[in-house]
Amino acid sequence: VTYQLIITRLISLFLLLVLPSYGVAHANLNREIHTLHHYHFSVPAGLESRVEFWKKIYSEYSTDHYILHDMDDLSKIYKVVYIKDGSKLSNRSRDHKLKRFKKKYRKILLKIARVKNPLSLKGESKRVYNLVKSNFKMASRRIRIQVGQSDRFRAGIGRSGIYQGRINKIFSKAKLPLELTVLPHVESSFQTNAYSSAGAAGIWQFTRGTGRLFMRVGYDIDERRDPILSTLAASKLLKTNFETLQSWPLAITAYNHGAYGMKRAKRRHGANIVDVINGYRSRNFG
């Protein structure tokens, strides 16, 4: 599998996992064929700029790069800040540096909002004006910072080589789309010792509650940290999600947000993932 193919698969799946964090334009996904072992993971219409943004995050920008962008329109990038060994700095020190840039562009946007004659703008203010075009005051509230992931992703590819063959066999045997095997790149960068603030562990980032449905999870034995046993568990969870929801976009989103909540969302808003995201709100979704 080539690096570019992994990137493409990753972005398709990553969008389904992160879309709940963003407002998105309507896209028609209902025409896709959904079966347990077949789904064509393609870019939904209207989300091309988001895909390009995340491709850059995972292929061009390292964890020393911090991208200031509009949270609603990912094509609008204000600045890429480079902080050498930024990931090694304390959160306080790094945040202090980044807040200065965020404050700078917020000020520029508010200044543009007050300007009566845009032709008087010069330099960076002119560039930002041409980039944003309208609703500058609102845009000043939507500045977000995303850290690059290319070095973590490349390291994850190296680590995945140890397990990828066996993972593929497990998913093939379960008759699941092989594209799903790149999910650990999103969840953990294939770090077996990954542990999140929410208590999720292992390459598939199972929480204790979900993990116990498929594995032994305790203080003496925690099978979530075993790459192969957790892969078997992930294949069962994804298969169960699909059988419940009959849609791979919904089943994949349920991997993080729960099948019960997604089933309720589907009942209210239909099977179109974008309709679900735009219309459904709960404590863990949206």
Protein backbone atom coordinates (compact mmCIF):
# COMPACT_ATOMS: atom_id res chain seq x y z
CA VAL A 1 0.00 0.00 0.00
CA THR A 2 1.50 3.34 -1.06
CA TYR A 3 1.90 6.35 1.23
CA GLN A 4 -0.50 8.40 -0.92
CA LEU A 5 -3.14 5.65 -0.84
CA ILE A 6 -2.91 5.50 2.95
CA ILE A 7 -3.30 9.30 3.05
CA THR A 8 -6.41 9.11 0.83
CA ARG A 9 -8.00 6.35 2.90
CA LEU A 10 -7.09 8.13 6.10
CA ILE A 11 -8.64 11.44 5.05
CA SER A 12 -11.89 9.77 3.97
CA LEU A 13 -12.22 8.07 7.34
CA PHE A 14 -10.87 11.02 9.30
CA LEU A 15 -13.55 13.29 7.86
CA LEU A 16 -16.25 10.95 9.15
CA LEU A 17 -14.71 11.05 12.62
CA VAL A 18 -14.14 14.80 12.83
CA LEU A 19 -17.14 16.12 10.90
CA PRO A 20 -19.20 16.37 14.11
CA SER A 21 -16.80 19.12 15.21
CA TYR A 22 -17.64 21.29 12.21
CA GLY A 23 -20.69 22.65 10.42
CA VAL A 24 -20.80 21.23 6.90
CA ALA A 25 -22.65 21.90 3.68
CA HIS A 26 -25.25 19.41 2.51
CA ALA A 27 -23.84 16.50 0.52
CA ASN A 28 -25.70 13.56 -0.98
CA LEU A 29 -24.30 10.30 0.33
CA ASN A 30 -27.48 8.27 -0.02
CA ARG A 31 -26.53 7.03 -3.50
CA GLU A 32 -23.58 5.05 -2.15
CA ILE A 33 -23.91 1.28 -1.97
CA HIS A 34 -23.73 0.10 1.63
CA THR A 35 -22.95 -3.56 2.29
CA LEU A 36 -20.95 -5.11 5.09
CA HIS A 37 -17.85 -5.72 2.98
CA HIS A 38 -18.22 -2.97 0.35
CA TYR A 39 -18.34 0.80 0.53
CA HIS A 40 -16.75 3.32 -1.81
CA PHE A 41 -15.10 5.86 0.49
CA SER A 42 -15.24 9.03 -1.58
CA VAL A 43 -15.16 12.75 -0.87
CA PRO A 44 -18.68 14.14 -0.34
CA ALA A 45 -19.59 17.01 -2.66
CA GLY A 46 -18.79 20.35 -1.10
CA LEU A 47 -16.13 19.00 1.26
CA GLU A 48 -13.19 19.10 -1.16
CA SER A 49 -11.49 22.03 0.61
CA ARG A 50 -11.72 20.19 3.93
CA VAL A 51 -10.09 17.14 2.42
CA GLU A 52 -7.26 19.25 1.01
CA PHE A 53 -6.77 20.89 4.41
CA TRP A 54 -6.46 17.57 6.23
CA LYS A 55 -4.22 16.15 3.52
CA LYS A 56 -1.81 19.00 4.23
CA ILE A 57 -2.09 18.45 7.98
CA TYR A 58 -1.14 14.79 7.59
CA SER A 59 1.38 15.05 4.74
CA GLU A 60 3.02 18.52 4.81
CA TYR A 61 2.88 20.03 8.30
CA SER A 62 4.75 18.54 11.26
CA THR A 63 3.99 18.90 14.96
CA ASP A 64 6.22 22.01 14.90
CA HIS A 65 3.69 23.71 12.59
CA TYR A 66 0.56 25.40 13.91
CA ILE A 67 -2.03 26.39 11.32
CA LEU A 68 -4.29 29.37 12.08
CA HIS A 69 -7.47 28.93 10.07
CA ASP A 70 -11.18 29.66 9.93
CA MET A 71 -12.99 26.86 11.72
CA ASP A 72 -15.92 26.91 9.29
CA ASP A 73 -14.00 27.36 6.02
CA LEU A 74 -10.79 25.35 6.09
CA SER A 75 -9.61 26.89 2.82
CA LYS A 76 -9.00 30.14 4.72
CA ILE A 77 -5.58 29.80 6.34
CA TYR A 78 -4.32 32.97 8.01
CA LYS A 79 -0.85 31.82 8.92
CA VAL A 80 1.31 28.76 9.45
CA VAL A 81 3.39 29.29 12.59
CA TYR A 82 6.61 27.30 12.97
CA ILE A 83 7.81 26.70 16.53
CA LYS A 84 10.92 24.52 16.65
CA ASP A 85 10.39 21.61 19.04
CA GLY A 86 6.97 23.07 19.79
CA SER A 87 5.63 19.71 20.93
CA LYS A 88 8.33 19.62 23.63
CA LEU A 89 7.32 22.97 25.13
CA SER A 90 4.99 23.16 28.11
CA ASN A 91 1.35 23.76 27.20
CA ARG A 92 1.52 27.15 28.91
CA SER A 93 4.60 28.30 26.99
CA ARG A 94 3.30 27.06 23.64
CA ASP A 95 -0.17 28.51 24.19
CA HIS A 96 1.33 31.87 25.12
CA LYS A 97 3.21 32.03 21.81
CA LEU A 98 0.18 30.99 19.77
CA LYS A 99 -2.21 33.36 21.52
CA ARG A 100 -0.13 36.28 20.25
CA PHE A 101 -0.73 35.21 16.65
CA LYS A 102 -4.40 34.53 17.26
CA LYS A 103 -4.79 37.95 18.83
CA LYS A 104 -2.96 39.57 15.91
CA TYR A 105 -5.33 38.15 13.29
CA ARG A 106 -8.38 38.83 15.39
CA LYS A 107 -7.30 42.49 15.52
CA ILE A 108 -6.71 42.56 11.76
CA LEU A 109 -10.19 41.18 11.08
CA LEU A 110 -11.86 43.64 13.46
CA LYS A 111 -9.90 46.49 11.88
CA ILE A 112 -11.06 45.43 8.40
CA ALA A 113 -14.66 45.27 9.68
CA ARG A 114 -14.42 48.97 10.61
CA VAL A 115 -12.75 50.15 7.41
CA LYS A 116 -15.02 52.08 5.05
CA ASN A 117 -12.69 52.01 2.06
CA PRO A 118 -11.10 48.56 1.50
CA LEU A 119 -8.77 50.07 -1.12
CA SER A 120 -6.91 51.77 1.73
CA LEU A 121 -5.81 48.42 3.15
CA LYS A 122 -2.16 47.46 2.77
CA GLY A 123 0.08 44.47 3.38
CA GLU A 124 -1.27 41.71 5.61
CA SER A 125 -4.59 43.48 6.13
CA LYS A 126 -5.14 43.53 2.37
CA ARG A 127 -4.26 39.83 2.09
CA VAL A 128 -6.67 38.90 4.88
CA TYR A 129 -9.40 41.05 3.31
CA ASN A 130 -9.01 39.22 -0.02
CA LEU A 131 -8.93 35.87 1.78
CA VAL A 132 -12.05 36.34 3.92
CA LYS A 133 -14.06 38.70 1.64
CA SER A 134 -17.00 39.33 4.03
CA ASN A 135 -18.38 38.97 7.57
CA PHE A 136 -15.03 39.96 9.10
CA LYS A 137 -16.35 40.48 12.62
CA MET A 138 -17.82 36.98 12.70
CA ALA A 139 -14.61 35.58 11.21
CA SER A 140 -12.63 37.13 14.09
CA ARG A 141 -14.47 34.73 16.44
CA ARG A 142 -13.77 31.66 14.33
CA ILE A 143 -9.97 31.54 14.36
CA ARG A 144 -8.79 28.05 15.28
CA ILE A 145 -5.33 26.51 15.57
CA GLN A 146 -4.57 23.02 14.25
CA VAL A 147 -1.21 21.35 14.86
CA GLY A 148 0.40 19.44 11.99
CA GLN A 149 0.59 15.64 12.10
CA SER A 150 2.95 14.59 9.29
CA ASP A 151 5.79 13.40 11.53
CA ARG A 152 3.42 11.51 13.82
CA PHE A 153 1.69 10.02 10.80
CA ARG A 154 4.96 8.87 9.20
CA ALA A 155 6.07 7.37 12.49
CA GLY A 156 2.70 5.63 12.71
CA ILE A 157 3.18 4.13 9.25
CA GLY A 158 6.50 2.71 10.43
CA ARG A 159 4.91 1.21 13.53
CA SER A 160 1.91 -0.12 11.60
CA GLY A 161 4.15 -2.30 9.43
CA ILE A 162 4.60 -4.71 12.32
CA TYR A 163 0.87 -5.38 12.59
CA GLN A 164 -0.72 -4.35 9.26
CA GLY A 165 -0.62 -7.77 7.64
CA ARG A 166 -2.38 -9.47 10.55
CA ILE A 167 -4.85 -6.59 10.89
CA ASN A 168 -5.74 -6.89 7.18
CA LYS A 169 -6.30 -10.65 7.57
CA ILE A 170 -8.61 -10.10 10.55
CA PHE A 171 -10.71 -7.55 8.64
CA SER A 172 -10.75 -9.68 5.48
CA LYS A 173 -11.95 -12.68 7.48
CA ALA A 174 -14.67 -10.51 9.03
CA LYS A 175 -15.60 -9.33 5.50
CA LEU A 176 -15.05 -5.68 6.43
CA PRO A 177 -13.75 -2.95 4.07
CA LEU A 178 -9.95 -2.87 4.32
CA GLU A 179 -10.07 0.94 4.34
CA LEU A 180 -11.16 0.64 7.97
CA THR A 181 -7.75 -0.74 8.94
CA VAL A 182 -6.25 2.76 8.79
CA LEU A 183 -8.42 3.95 11.70
CA PRO A 184 -5.57 3.45 14.23
CA HIS A 185 -3.66 6.19 12.37
CA VAL A 186 -6.45 8.55 13.44
CA GLU A 187 -6.95 7.09 16.88
CA SER A 188 -3.40 6.52 18.11
CA SER A 189 -0.79 6.70 15.33
CA PHE A 190 -0.40 2.96 16.03
CA GLN A 191 1.08 3.59 19.48
CA THR A 192 0.36 0.52 21.60
CA ASN A 193 0.83 2.51 24.82
CA ALA A 194 -1.50 5.35 23.75
CA TYR A 195 -3.78 6.46 26.59
CA SER A 196 -6.21 9.36 26.28
CA SER A 197 -7.54 11.77 28.88
CA ALA A 198 -10.89 10.00 28.52
CA GLY A 199 -9.30 6.69 29.52
CA ALA A 200 -9.16 5.16 26.04
CA ALA A 201 -6.21 2.82 25.50
CA GLY A 202 -4.30 0.99 22.78
CA ILE A 203 -4.06 1.44 19.03
CA TRP A 204 -7.85 1.31 18.63
CA GLN A 205 -8.49 3.58 21.64
CA PHE A 206 -11.16 1.53 23.37
CA THR A 207 -12.65 3.04 26.52
CA ARG A 208 -12.99 0.70 29.50
CA GLY A 209 -16.75 0.39 29.06
CA THR A 210 -16.68 -0.47 25.36
CA GLY A 211 -13.55 -2.57 25.73
CA ARG A 212 -15.20 -4.83 28.30
CA LEU A 213 -17.83 -5.81 25.73
CA PHE A 214 -15.16 -7.62 23.69
CA MET A 215 -12.04 -8.03 25.85
CA ARG A 216 -10.70 -8.57 29.34
CA VAL A 217 -10.14 -5.12 30.80
CA GLY A 218 -8.86 -4.87 34.35
CA TYR A 219 -5.94 -3.73 36.45
CA ASP A 220 -4.06 -7.02 36.07
CA ILE A 221 -4.93 -7.72 32.41
CA ASP A 222 -5.89 -5.08 29.86
CA GLU A 223 -6.30 -6.56 26.40
CA ARG A 224 -6.95 -3.12 24.91
CA ARG A 225 -3.17 -2.72 24.78
CA ASP A 226 -2.71 -5.90 22.73
CA PRO A 227 -2.69 -4.82 19.03
CA ILE A 228 -4.10 -8.12 17.75
CA LEU A 229 -6.73 -8.76 20.42
CA SER A 230 -7.90 -5.15 20.20
CA THR A 231 -8.07 -5.46 16.39
CA LEU A 232 -10.36 -8.47 16.76
CA ALA A 233 -12.46 -6.39 19.14
CA ALA A 234 -12.50 -3.42 16.74
CA SER A 235 -13.65 -5.64 13.87
CA LYS A 236 -16.52 -6.92 16.03
CA LEU A 237 -17.50 -3.42 17.14
CA LEU A 238 -17.45 -2.01 13.61
CA LYS A 239 -19.40 -5.00 12.30
CA THR A 240 -21.99 -4.57 15.08
CA ASN A 241 -22.24 -0.85 14.35
CA PHE A 242 -22.85 -1.51 10.66
CA GLU A 243 -25.45 -4.22 11.32
CA THR A 244 -27.25 -1.77 13.61
CA LEU A 245 -27.04 1.30 11.38
CA GLN A 246 -26.73 -0.14 7.82
CA SER A 247 -24.43 2.73 6.81
CA TRP A 248 -20.65 2.88 6.95
CA PRO A 249 -20.46 6.65 7.54
CA LEU A 250 -22.85 6.23 10.50
CA ALA A 251 -21.10 3.08 11.72
CA ILE A 252 -17.68 4.75 11.66
CA THR A 253 -18.99 7.86 13.41
CA ALA A 254 -20.56 5.55 16.01
CA TYR A 255 -17.08 4.19 16.73
CA ASN A 256 -16.42 7.39 18.69
CA HIS A 257 -19.94 8.56 19.46
CA GLY A 258 -21.78 5.33 20.24
CA ALA A 259 -24.21 3.21 18.22
CA TYR A 260 -27.19 4.05 20.43
CA GLY A 261 -26.81 7.79 19.89
CA MET A 262 -26.28 7.33 16.16
CA LYS A 263 -29.34 5.08 15.94
CA ARG A 264 -31.39 7.82 17.59
CA ALA A 265 -29.87 10.37 15.20
CA LYS A 266 -30.70 8.21 12.18
CA ARG A 267 -34.29 7.82 13.37
CA ARG A 268 -34.65 11.61 13.64
CA HIS A 269 -32.69 12.76 10.60
CA GLY A 270 -32.32 9.81 8.21
CA ALA A 271 -29.27 7.90 6.99
CA ASN A 272 -27.46 10.81 5.30
CA ILE A 273 -24.43 11.48 7.52
CA VAL A 274 -24.34 15.20 6.72
CA ASP A 275 -28.05 15.61 7.55
CA VAL A 276 -27.38 13.80 10.81
CA ILE A 277 -24.45 16.06 11.67
CA ASN A 278 -26.29 19.26 10.79
CA GLY A 279 -29.47 18.32 12.61
CA TYR A 280 -28.50 16.21 15.56
CA ARG A 281 -27.14 17.45 18.90
CA SER A 282 -26.35 15.55 22.09
CA ARG A 283 -23.84 15.71 24.92
CA ASN A 284 -21.28 13.73 22.91
CA PHE A 285 -22.23 14.69 19.37
CA GLY A 286 -22.02 18.11 17.78
